[in-house]
All heavy atoms as atom14 arrays in JSON, in Angstrom:
{
  "sequence": "SDLAILGAIVVSFAFSIGLFVALPHALTALLGLTTESWQFHAVDGLI",
  "atom14_mask": [
    [1, 1, 1, 1, 1, 1, 0, 0, 0, 0, 0, 0, 0, 0],
    [1, 1, 1, 1, 1, 1, 1, 1, 0, 0, 0, 0, 0, 0],
    [1, 1, 1, 1, 1, 1, 1, 1, 0, 0, 0, 0, 0, 0],
    [1, 1, 1, 1, 1, 0, 0, 0, 0, 0, 0, 0, 0, 0],
    [1, 1, 1, 1, 1, 1, 1, 1, 0, 0, 0, 0, 0, 0],
    [1, 1, 1, 1, 1, 1, 1, 1, 0, 0, 0, 0, 0, 0],
    [1, 1, 1, 1, 0, 0, 0, 0, 0, 0, 0, 0, 0, 0],
    [1, 1, 1, 1, 1, 0, 0, 0, 0, 0, 0, 0, 0, 0],
    [1, 1, 1, 1, 1, 1, 1, 1, 0, 0, 0, 0, 0, 0],
    [1, 1, 1, 1, 1, 1, 1, 0, 0, 0, 0, 0, 0, 0],
    [1, 1, 1, 1, 1, 1, 1, 0, 0, 0, 0, 0, 0, 0],
    [1, 1, 1, 1, 1, 1, 0, 0, 0, 0, 0, 0, 0, 0],
    [1, 1, 1, 1, 1, 1, 1, 1, 1, 1, 1, 0, 0, 0],
    [1, 1, 1, 1, 1, 0, 0, 0, 0, 0, 0, 0, 0, 0],
    [1, 1, 1, 1, 1, 1, 1, 1, 1, 1, 1, 0, 0, 0],
    [1, 1, 1, 1, 1, 1, 0, 0, 0, 0, 0, 0, 0, 0],
    [1, 1, 1, 1, 1, 1, 1, 1, 0, 0, 0, 0, 0, 0],
    [1, 1, 1, 1, 0, 0, 0, 0, 0, 0, 0, 0, 0, 0],
    [1, 1, 1, 1, 1, 1, 1, 1, 0, 0, 0, 0, 0, 0],
    [1, 1, 1, 1, 1, 1, 1, 1, 1, 1, 1, 0, 0, 0],
    [1, 1, 1, 1, 1, 1, 1, 0, 0, 0, 0, 0, 0, 0],
    [1, 1, 1, 1, 1, 0, 0, 0, 0, 0, 0, 0, 0, 0],
    [1, 1, 1, 1, 1, 1, 1, 1, 0, 0, 0, 0, 0, 0],
    [1, 1, 1, 1, 1, 1, 1, 0, 0, 0, 0, 0, 0, 0],
    [1, 1, 1, 1, 1, 1, 1, 1, 1, 1, 0, 0, 0, 0],
    [1, 1, 1, 1, 1, 0, 0, 0, 0, 0, 0, 0, 0, 0],
    [1, 1, 1, 1, 1, 1, 1, 1, 0, 0, 0, 0, 0, 0],
    [1, 1, 1, 1, 1, 1, 1, 0, 0, 0, 0, 0, 0, 0],
    [1, 1, 1, 1, 1, 0, 0, 0, 0, 0, 0, 0, 0, 0],
    [1, 1, 1, 1, 1, 1, 1, 1, 0, 0, 0, 0, 0, 0],
    [1, 1, 1, 1, 1, 1, 1, 1, 0, 0, 0, 0, 0, 0],
    [1, 1, 1, 1, 0, 0, 0, 0, 0, 0, 0, 0, 0, 0],
    [1, 1, 1, 1, 1, 1, 1, 1, 0, 0, 0, 0, 0, 0],
    [1, 1, 1, 1, 1, 1, 1, 0, 0, 0, 0, 0, 0, 0],
    [1, 1, 1, 1, 1, 1, 1, 0, 0, 0, 0, 0, 0, 0],
    [1, 1, 1, 1, 1, 1, 1, 1, 1, 0, 0, 0, 0, 0],
    [1, 1, 1, 1, 1, 1, 0, 0, 0, 0, 0, 0, 0, 0],
    [1, 1, 1, 1, 1, 1, 1, 1, 1, 1, 1, 1, 1, 1],
    [1, 1, 1, 1, 1, 1, 1, 1, 1, 0, 0, 0, 0, 0],
    [1, 1, 1, 1, 1, 1, 1, 1, 1, 1, 1, 0, 0, 0],
    [1, 1, 1, 1, 1, 1, 1, 1, 1, 1, 0, 0, 0, 0],
    [1, 1, 1, 1, 1, 0, 0, 0, 0, 0, 0, 0, 0, 0],
    [1, 1, 1, 1, 1, 1, 1, 0, 0, 0, 0, 0, 0, 0],
    [1, 1, 1, 1, 1, 1, 1, 1, 0, 0, 0, 0, 0, 0],
    [1, 1, 1, 1, 0, 0, 0, 0, 0, 0, 0, 0, 0, 0],
    [1, 1, 1, 1, 1, 1, 1, 1, 0, 0, 0, 0, 0, 0],
    [1, 1, 1, 1, 1, 1, 1, 1, 0, 0, 0, 0, 0, 0]
  ],
  "atom14_positions": [
    [[-47.97, 14.57, 20.6], [-47.09, 15.67, 20.97], [-45.86, 15.61, 20.06], [-45.53, 14.57, 19.45], [-46.66, 15.57, 22.42], [-45.88, 14.43, 22.62], [0.0, 0.0, 0.0], [0.0, 0.0, 0.0], [0.0, 0.0, 0.0], [0.0, 0.0, 0.0], [0.0, 0.0, 0.0], [0.0, 0.0, 0.0], [0.0, 0.0, 0.0], [0.0, 0.0, 0.0]],
    [[-45.15, 16.75, 19.99], [-43.89, 16.78, 19.21], [-42.9, 15.73, 19.73], [-42.19, 15.11, 18.9], [-43.29, 18.16, 19.28], [-44.1, 19.17, 18.49], [-45.02, 18.77, 17.77], [-43.8, 20.39, 18.55], [0.0, 0.0, 0.0], [0.0, 0.0, 0.0], [0.0, 0.0, 0.0], [0.0, 0.0, 0.0], [0.0, 0.0, 0.0], [0.0, 0.0, 0.0]],
    [[-42.88, 15.55, 21.0], [-41.92, 14.61, 21.62], [-42.27, 13.18, 21.18], [-41.4, 12.36, 20.87], [-41.91, 14.71, 23.12], [-40.93, 13.8, 23.86], [-39.5, 14.14, 23.43], [-41.06, 13.96, 25.38], [0.0, 0.0, 0.0], [0.0, 0.0, 0.0], [0.0, 0.0, 0.0], [0.0, 0.0, 0.0], [0.0, 0.0, 0.0], [0.0, 0.0, 0.0]],
    [[-43.57, 12.87, 21.17], [-44.0, 11.51, 20.76], [-43.71, 11.26, 19.31], [-43.28, 10.17, 18.95], [-45.52, 11.36, 21.01], [0.0, 0.0, 0.0], [0.0, 0.0, 0.0], [0.0, 0.0, 0.0], [0.0, 0.0, 0.0], [0.0, 0.0, 0.0], [0.0, 0.0, 0.0], [0.0, 0.0, 0.0], [0.0, 0.0, 0.0], [0.0, 0.0, 0.0]],
    [[-43.91, 12.29, 18.45], [-43.61, 12.09, 17.01], [-42.09, 11.92, 16.81], [-41.64, 11.08, 16.06], [-44.12, 13.31, 16.22], [-45.65, 13.39, 16.28], [-43.66, 13.22, 14.76], [-46.23, 14.57, 15.53], [0.0, 0.0, 0.0], [0.0, 0.0, 0.0], [0.0, 0.0, 0.0], [0.0, 0.0, 0.0], [0.0, 0.0, 0.0], [0.0, 0.0, 0.0]],
    [[-41.32, 12.71, 17.56], [-39.85, 12.6, 17.5], [-39.41, 11.2, 17.92], [-38.55, 10.62, 17.28], [-39.21, 13.65, 18.37], [-37.65, 13.65, 18.41], [-37.07, 13.86, 17.01], [-37.13, 14.69, 19.35], [0.0, 0.0, 0.0], [0.0, 0.0, 0.0], [0.0, 0.0, 0.0], [0.0, 0.0, 0.0], [0.0, 0.0, 0.0], [0.0, 0.0, 0.0]],
    [[-40.02, 10.68, 18.95], [-39.69, 9.36, 19.42], [-40.02, 8.3, 18.39], [-39.26, 7.37, 18.15], [0.0, 0.0, 0.0], [0.0, 0.0, 0.0], [0.0, 0.0, 0.0], [0.0, 0.0, 0.0], [0.0, 0.0, 0.0], [0.0, 0.0, 0.0], [0.0, 0.0, 0.0], [0.0, 0.0, 0.0], [0.0, 0.0, 0.0], [0.0, 0.0, 0.0]],
    [[-41.17, 8.47, 17.69], [-41.57, 7.53, 16.64], [-40.59, 7.58, 15.46], [-40.26, 6.55, 14.86], [-42.96, 7.84, 16.17], [0.0, 0.0, 0.0], [0.0, 0.0, 0.0], [0.0, 0.0, 0.0], [0.0, 0.0, 0.0], [0.0, 0.0, 0.0], [0.0, 0.0, 0.0], [0.0, 0.0, 0.0], [0.0, 0.0, 0.0], [0.0, 0.0, 0.0]],
    [[-40.08, 8.81, 15.15], [-39.14, 8.93, 14.05], [-37.83, 8.24, 14.39], [-37.21, 7.56, 13.57], [-38.91, 10.43, 13.72], [-40.19, 11.02, 13.07], [-37.71, 10.6, 12.78], [-40.08, 12.53, 12.81], [0.0, 0.0, 0.0], [0.0, 0.0, 0.0], [0.0, 0.0, 0.0], [0.0, 0.0, 0.0], [0.0, 0.0, 0.0], [0.0, 0.0, 0.0]],
    [[-37.37, 8.43, 15.65], [-36.14, 7.78, 16.11], [-36.27, 6.27, 15.97], [-35.39, 5.59, 15.48], [-35.78, 8.22, 17.53], [-34.64, 7.36, 18.06], [-35.41, 9.65, 17.58], [0.0, 0.0, 0.0], [0.0, 0.0, 0.0], [0.0, 0.0, 0.0], [0.0, 0.0, 0.0], [0.0, 0.0, 0.0], [0.0, 0.0, 0.0], [0.0, 0.0, 0.0]],
    [[-37.41, 5.72, 16.46], [-37.62, 4.28, 16.33], [-37.65, 3.84, 14.87], [-37.11, 2.8, 14.54], [-38.92, 3.87, 17.06], [-39.28, 2.44, 16.82], [-38.85, 4.14, 18.57], [0.0, 0.0, 0.0], [0.0, 0.0, 0.0], [0.0, 0.0, 0.0], [0.0, 0.0, 0.0], [0.0, 0.0, 0.0], [0.0, 0.0, 0.0], [0.0, 0.0, 0.0]],
    [[-38.29, 4.63, 13.99], [-38.37, 4.28, 12.59], [-37.02, 4.25, 11.96], [-36.64, 3.38, 11.17], [-39.28, 5.26, 11.89], [-40.59, 5.22, 12.36], [0.0, 0.0, 0.0], [0.0, 0.0, 0.0], [0.0, 0.0, 0.0], [0.0, 0.0, 0.0], [0.0, 0.0, 0.0], [0.0, 0.0, 0.0], [0.0, 0.0, 0.0], [0.0, 0.0, 0.0]],
    [[-36.19, 5.31, 12.3], [-34.8, 5.34, 11.77], [-34.01, 4.15, 12.26], [-33.25, 3.55, 11.5], [-34.13, 6.64, 12.18], [-34.33, 7.79, 11.19], [-34.79, 8.99, 11.62], [-33.98, 7.6, 9.88], [-34.95, 10.06, 10.73], [-34.13, 8.66, 8.96], [-34.63, 9.89, 9.42], [0.0, 0.0, 0.0], [0.0, 0.0, 0.0], [0.0, 0.0, 0.0]],
    [[-34.17, 3.83, 13.54], [-33.42, 2.7, 14.07], [-33.79, 1.38, 13.41], [-32.92, 0.54, 13.06], [-33.65, 2.6, 15.6], [0.0, 0.0, 0.0], [0.0, 0.0, 0.0], [0.0, 0.0, 0.0], [0.0, 0.0, 0.0], [0.0, 0.0, 0.0], [0.0, 0.0, 0.0], [0.0, 0.0, 0.0], [0.0, 0.0, 0.0], [0.0, 0.0, 0.0]],
    [[-35.1, 1.21, 13.14], [-35.58, 0.01, 12.49], [-35.02, -0.03, 11.04], [-34.59, -1.07, 10.55], [-37.1, 0.01, 12.48], [-37.7, -1.14, 11.67], [-37.73, -2.43, 12.22], [-38.18, -0.95, 10.41], [-38.28, -3.49, 11.48], [-38.72, -2.01, 9.66], [-38.77, -3.28, 10.22], [0.0, 0.0, 0.0], [0.0, 0.0, 0.0], [0.0, 0.0, 0.0]],
    [[-35.05, 1.11, 10.37], [-34.6, 1.14, 8.97], [-33.09, 0.87, 8.86], [-32.63, 0.19, 7.99], [-34.92, 2.52, 8.35], [-36.28, 2.79, 8.33], [0.0, 0.0, 0.0], [0.0, 0.0, 0.0], [0.0, 0.0, 0.0], [0.0, 0.0, 0.0], [0.0, 0.0, 0.0], [0.0, 0.0, 0.0], [0.0, 0.0, 0.0], [0.0, 0.0, 0.0]],
    [[-32.33, 1.46, 9.82], [-30.9, 1.21, 9.83], [-30.61, -0.28, 10.09], [-29.71, -0.87, 9.44], [-30.19, 2.12, 10.88], [-30.25, 3.57, 10.4], [-28.79, 1.68, 11.13], [-29.8, 4.59, 11.43], [0.0, 0.0, 0.0], [0.0, 0.0, 0.0], [0.0, 0.0, 0.0], [0.0, 0.0, 0.0], [0.0, 0.0, 0.0], [0.0, 0.0, 0.0]],
    [[-31.33, -0.85, 10.99], [-31.13, -2.29, 11.29], [-31.47, -3.15, 10.09], [-30.72, -4.09, 9.75], [0.0, 0.0, 0.0], [0.0, 0.0, 0.0], [0.0, 0.0, 0.0], [0.0, 0.0, 0.0], [0.0, 0.0, 0.0], [0.0, 0.0, 0.0], [0.0, 0.0, 0.0], [0.0, 0.0, 0.0], [0.0, 0.0, 0.0], [0.0, 0.0, 0.0]],
    [[-32.56, -2.81, 9.39], [-33.05, -3.63, 8.29], [-32.23, -3.4, 6.99], [-31.94, -4.37, 6.26], [-34.53, -3.36, 8.05], [-35.25, -4.3, 7.08], [-35.21, -5.74, 7.56], [-36.7, -3.86, 6.92], [0.0, 0.0, 0.0], [0.0, 0.0, 0.0], [0.0, 0.0, 0.0], [0.0, 0.0, 0.0], [0.0, 0.0, 0.0], [0.0, 0.0, 0.0]],
    [[-31.9, -2.13, 6.72], [-31.3, -1.83, 5.43], [-29.82, -1.43, 5.47], [-29.19, -1.2, 4.43], [-32.08, -0.67, 4.77], [-33.49, -1.01, 4.41], [-34.55, -0.52, 5.13], [-33.74, -1.89, 3.35], [-35.86, -0.87, 4.79], [-35.03, -2.24, 3.03], [-36.09, -1.71, 3.72], [0.0, 0.0, 0.0], [0.0, 0.0, 0.0], [0.0, 0.0, 0.0]],
    [[-29.25, -1.39, 6.67], [-27.8, -1.13, 6.79], [-27.1, -2.28, 7.49], [-26.2, -2.93, 6.91], [-27.55, 0.21, 7.51], [-26.02, 0.44, 7.66], [-28.16, 1.37, 6.78], [0.0, 0.0, 0.0], [0.0, 0.0, 0.0], [0.0, 0.0, 0.0], [0.0, 0.0, 0.0], [0.0, 0.0, 0.0], [0.0, 0.0, 0.0], [0.0, 0.0, 0.0]],
    [[-27.49, -2.54, 8.72], [-26.79, -3.53, 9.53], [-27.01, -4.94, 8.99], [-25.98, -5.69, 8.81], [-27.26, -3.42, 10.98], [0.0, 0.0, 0.0], [0.0, 0.0, 0.0], [0.0, 0.0, 0.0], [0.0, 0.0, 0.0], [0.0, 0.0, 0.0], [0.0, 0.0, 0.0], [0.0, 0.0, 0.0], [0.0, 0.0, 0.0], [0.0, 0.0, 0.0]],
    [[-28.23, -5.35, 8.72], [-28.47, -6.71, 8.27], [-27.77, -7.0, 6.92], [-27.11, -8.04, 6.79], [-29.96, -6.96, 8.17], [-30.42, -8.35, 7.69], [-29.85, -9.44, 8.6], [-31.95, -8.44, 7.61], [0.0, 0.0, 0.0], [0.0, 0.0, 0.0], [0.0, 0.0, 0.0], [0.0, 0.0, 0.0], [0.0, 0.0, 0.0], [0.0, 0.0, 0.0]],
    [[-27.96, -6.17, 5.87], [-27.28, -6.46, 4.61], [-25.74, -6.51, 4.76], [-25.07, -7.33, 4.14], [-27.7, -5.36, 3.69], [-29.0, -4.88, 4.26], [-28.83, -5.01, 5.74], [0.0, 0.0, 0.0], [0.0, 0.0, 0.0], [0.0, 0.0, 0.0], [0.0, 0.0, 0.0], [0.0, 0.0, 0.0], [0.0, 0.0, 0.0], [0.0, 0.0, 0.0]],
    [[-25.18, -5.6, 5.56], [-23.74, -5.58, 5.73], [-23.3, -6.87, 6.39], [-22.28, -7.47, 5.98], [-23.36, -4.38, 6.63], [-21.87, -4.21, 6.79], [-21.14, -3.29, 6.08], [-20.95, -4.92, 7.54], [-19.87, -3.39, 6.4], [-19.72, -4.35, 7.27], [0.0, 0.0, 0.0], [0.0, 0.0, 0.0], [0.0, 0.0, 0.0], [0.0, 0.0, 0.0]],
    [[-24.0, -7.35, 7.4], [-23.63, -8.57, 8.15], [-23.71, -9.77, 7.2], [-22.84, -10.62, 7.21], [-24.54, -8.74, 9.36], [0.0, 0.0, 0.0], [0.0, 0.0, 0.0], [0.0, 0.0, 0.0], [0.0, 0.0, 0.0], [0.0, 0.0, 0.0], [0.0, 0.0, 0.0], [0.0, 0.0, 0.0], [0.0, 0.0, 0.0], [0.0, 0.0, 0.0]],
    [[-24.76, -9.84, 6.4], [-24.94, -10.96, 5.48], [-23.83, -10.96, 4.42], [-23.3, -12.02, 4.05], [-26.29, -10.9, 4.8], [-27.52, -11.14, 5.71], [-28.8, -10.93, 4.92], [-27.46, -12.5, 6.36], [0.0, 0.0, 0.0], [0.0, 0.0, 0.0], [0.0, 0.0, 0.0], [0.0, 0.0, 0.0], [0.0, 0.0, 0.0], [0.0, 0.0, 0.0]],
    [[-23.45, -9.76, 3.96], [-22.39, -9.68, 2.95], [-21.05, -10.08, 3.58], [-20.2, -10.7, 2.91], [-22.32, -8.25, 2.4], [-23.62, -7.88, 1.9], [-21.32, -8.21, 1.25], [0.0, 0.0, 0.0], [0.0, 0.0, 0.0], [0.0, 0.0, 0.0], [0.0, 0.0, 0.0], [0.0, 0.0, 0.0], [0.0, 0.0, 0.0], [0.0, 0.0, 0.0]],
    [[-20.8, -9.68, 4.82], [-19.52, -9.98, 5.53], [-19.36, -11.47, 5.64], [-18.22, -11.99, 5.62], [-19.48, -9.29, 6.86], [0.0, 0.0, 0.0], [0.0, 0.0, 0.0], [0.0, 0.0, 0.0], [0.0, 0.0, 0.0], [0.0, 0.0, 0.0], [0.0, 0.0, 0.0], [0.0, 0.0, 0.0], [0.0, 0.0, 0.0], [0.0, 0.0, 0.0]],
    [[-20.46, -12.2, 5.76], [-20.35, -13.66, 5.89], [-19.79, -14.31, 4.63], [-19.31, -15.46, 4.71], [-21.74, -14.25, 6.21], [-22.35, -13.88, 7.57], [-23.75, -14.47, 7.69], [-21.45, -14.41, 8.72], [0.0, 0.0, 0.0], [0.0, 0.0, 0.0], [0.0, 0.0, 0.0], [0.0, 0.0, 0.0], [0.0, 0.0, 0.0], [0.0, 0.0, 0.0]],
    [[-19.85, -13.61, 3.5], [-19.33, -14.18, 2.25], [-17.82, -14.06, 2.15], [-17.24, -14.56, 1.2], [-19.99, -13.46, 1.08], [-21.5, -13.55, 0.96], [-22.05, -12.76, -0.21], [-21.94, -15.02, 0.87], [0.0, 0.0, 0.0], [0.0, 0.0, 0.0], [0.0, 0.0, 0.0], [0.0, 0.0, 0.0], [0.0, 0.0, 0.0], [0.0, 0.0, 0.0]],
    [[-17.19, -13.33, 3.1], [-15.75, -13.23, 3.08], [-15.21, -12.1, 2.24], [-13.97, -11.97, 2.07], [0.0, 0.0, 0.0], [0.0, 0.0, 0.0], [0.0, 0.0, 0.0], [0.0, 0.0, 0.0], [0.0, 0.0, 0.0], [0.0, 0.0, 0.0], [0.0, 0.0, 0.0], [0.0, 0.0, 0.0], [0.0, 0.0, 0.0], [0.0, 0.0, 0.0]],
    [[-16.04, -11.21, 1.71], [-15.59, -10.08, 0.9], [-15.06, -8.98, 1.85], [-15.56, -8.87, 3.0], [-16.77, -9.57, 0.04], [-17.34, -10.51, -0.96], [-18.57, -9.93, -1.59], [-16.29, -10.86, -2.03], [0.0, 0.0, 0.0], [0.0, 0.0, 0.0], [0.0, 0.0, 0.0], [0.0, 0.0, 0.0], [0.0, 0.0, 0.0], [0.0, 0.0, 0.0]],
    [[-14.17, -8.18, 1.35], [-13.61, -7.07, 2.15], [-14.34, -5.78, 1.82], [-14.74, -5.59, 0.64], [-12.11, -6.89, 1.91], [-11.91, -6.56, 0.51], [-11.37, -8.18, 2.24], [0.0, 0.0, 0.0], [0.0, 0.0, 0.0], [0.0, 0.0, 0.0], [0.0, 0.0, 0.0], [0.0, 0.0, 0.0], [0.0, 0.0, 0.0], [0.0, 0.0, 0.0]],
    [[-14.46, -4.92, 2.74], [-15.21, -3.65, 2.52], [-14.48, -2.69, 1.57], [-15.09, -1.76, 1.09], [-15.46, -2.88, 3.85], [-14.19, -2.68, 4.51], [-16.38, -3.75, 4.77], [0.0, 0.0, 0.0], [0.0, 0.0, 0.0], [0.0, 0.0, 0.0], [0.0, 0.0, 0.0], [0.0, 0.0, 0.0], [0.0, 0.0, 0.0], [0.0, 0.0, 0.0]],
    [[-13.19, -2.96, 1.32], [-12.44, -2.14, 0.38], [-12.82, -2.46, -1.11], [-12.55, -1.67, -1.99], [-10.95, -2.29, 0.53], [-10.38, -1.79, 1.87], [-10.58, -2.78, 2.99], [-11.01, -3.9, 2.72], [-10.27, -2.38, 4.16], [0.0, 0.0, 0.0], [0.0, 0.0, 0.0], [0.0, 0.0, 0.0], [0.0, 0.0, 0.0], [0.0, 0.0, 0.0]],
    [[-13.45, -3.57, -1.31], [-13.75, -3.99, -2.69], [-15.14, -3.49, -3.09], [-16.07, -3.41, -2.29], [-13.67, -5.52, -2.82], [-14.72, -6.11, -2.08], [0.0, 0.0, 0.0], [0.0, 0.0, 0.0], [0.0, 0.0, 0.0], [0.0, 0.0, 0.0], [0.0, 0.0, 0.0], [0.0, 0.0, 0.0], [0.0, 0.0, 0.0], [0.0, 0.0, 0.0]],
    [[-15.31, -3.15, -4.37], [-16.61, -2.71, -4.85], [-17.59, -3.86, -4.88], [-18.78, -3.67, -4.78], [-16.48, -2.13, -6.27], [-16.06, -3.13, -7.33], [-14.81, -3.36, -7.78], [-16.97, -3.97, -8.09], [-14.85, -4.35, -8.75], [-16.15, -4.69, -8.97], [-18.35, -4.15, -8.09], [-16.69, -5.67, -9.81], [-18.87, -5.11, -8.96], [-18.05, -5.82, -9.84]],
    [[-17.04, -5.11, -4.97], [-17.94, -6.26, -4.93], [-18.73, -6.35, -3.65], [-19.88, -6.76, -3.66], [-17.13, -7.54, -5.15], [-16.53, -7.66, -6.58], [-15.13, -7.17, -6.62], [-14.75, -6.32, -5.78], [-14.36, -7.63, -7.59], [0.0, 0.0, 0.0], [0.0, 0.0, 0.0], [0.0, 0.0, 0.0], [0.0, 0.0, 0.0], [0.0, 0.0, 0.0]],
    [[-18.05, -5.97, -2.5], [-18.75, -6.02, -1.23], [-19.99, -5.15, -1.27], [-21.07, -5.58, -0.86], [-17.8, -5.56, -0.13], [-18.41, -5.63, 1.27], [-18.09, -6.67, 2.09], [-19.27, -4.65, 1.71], [-18.68, -6.74, 3.4], [-19.83, -4.69, 2.97], [-19.53, -5.78, 3.82], [0.0, 0.0, 0.0], [0.0, 0.0, 0.0], [0.0, 0.0, 0.0]],
    [[-19.86, -3.91, -1.72], [-20.94, -2.96, -1.71], [-21.98, -3.24, -2.78], [-23.15, -2.9, -2.63], [-20.35, -1.54, -1.86], [-19.32, -1.24, -0.8], [-19.7, -1.09, 0.51], [-18.02, -1.11, -0.81], [-18.59, -0.84, 1.25], [-17.54, -0.88, 0.46], [0.0, 0.0, 0.0], [0.0, 0.0, 0.0], [0.0, 0.0, 0.0], [0.0, 0.0, 0.0]],
    [[-21.54, -3.89, -3.91], [-22.52, -4.32, -4.88], [-23.44, -5.42, -4.3], [-24.65, -5.35, -4.45], [-21.82, -4.82, -6.16], [0.0, 0.0, 0.0], [0.0, 0.0, 0.0], [0.0, 0.0, 0.0], [0.0, 0.0, 0.0], [0.0, 0.0, 0.0], [0.0, 0.0, 0.0], [0.0, 0.0, 0.0], [0.0, 0.0, 0.0], [0.0, 0.0, 0.0]],
    [[-22.79, -6.41, -3.66], [-23.64, -7.47, -3.06], [-24.48, -6.91, -1.93], [-25.69, -7.23, -1.78], [-22.73, -8.6, -2.51], [-23.55, -9.62, -1.7], [-21.97, -9.27, -3.67], [0.0, 0.0, 0.0], [0.0, 0.0, 0.0], [0.0, 0.0, 0.0], [0.0, 0.0, 0.0], [0.0, 0.0, 0.0], [0.0, 0.0, 0.0], [0.0, 0.0, 0.0]],
    [[-23.89, -6.03, -1.09], [-24.63, -5.36, -0.02], [-25.83, -4.62, -0.55], [-26.93, -4.69, 0.03], [-23.65, -4.42, 0.67], [-24.33, -3.63, 1.84], [-24.88, -4.27, 2.73], [-24.27, -2.4, 1.83], [0.0, 0.0, 0.0], [0.0, 0.0, 0.0], [0.0, 0.0, 0.0], [0.0, 0.0, 0.0], [0.0, 0.0, 0.0], [0.0, 0.0, 0.0]],
    [[-25.64, -3.91, -1.65], [-26.77, -3.14, -2.24], [-27.85, -4.04, -2.78], [-29.04, -3.77, -2.65], [0.0, 0.0, 0.0], [0.0, 0.0, 0.0], [0.0, 0.0, 0.0], [0.0, 0.0, 0.0], [0.0, 0.0, 0.0], [0.0, 0.0, 0.0], [0.0, 0.0, 0.0], [0.0, 0.0, 0.0], [0.0, 0.0, 0.0], [0.0, 0.0, 0.0]],
    [[-27.45, -5.13, -3.45], [-28.43, -6.04, -3.98], [-29.26, -6.69, -2.92], [-30.47, -6.94, -3.02], [-27.73, -7.13, -4.82], [-27.11, -6.64, -6.14], [-26.35, -7.79, -6.81], [-28.2, -6.1, -7.08], [0.0, 0.0, 0.0], [0.0, 0.0, 0.0], [0.0, 0.0, 0.0], [0.0, 0.0, 0.0], [0.0, 0.0, 0.0], [0.0, 0.0, 0.0]],
    [[-28.6, -6.99, -1.74], [-29.32, -7.57, -0.62], [-30.36, -6.55, -0.07], [-31.5, -6.87, 0.28], [-28.34, -7.98, 0.49], [-27.52, -9.19, 0.02], [-29.11, -8.34, 1.79], [-26.46, -9.64, 0.98], [0.0, 0.0, 0.0], [0.0, 0.0, 0.0], [0.0, 0.0, 0.0], [0.0, 0.0, 0.0], [0.0, 0.0, 0.0], [0.0, 0.0, 0.0]]
  ]
}
């Protein structure tokens, strides 16, 4: 059903955000870099 597909998309987005946004950001933050620096986002992107 459309509702089931929508639910699967929401779960997929949540998984992707956790894996490719939250986890890399958290790992980069552990290095002590500040989010204002380009180095933070370079390391975050490489992760």
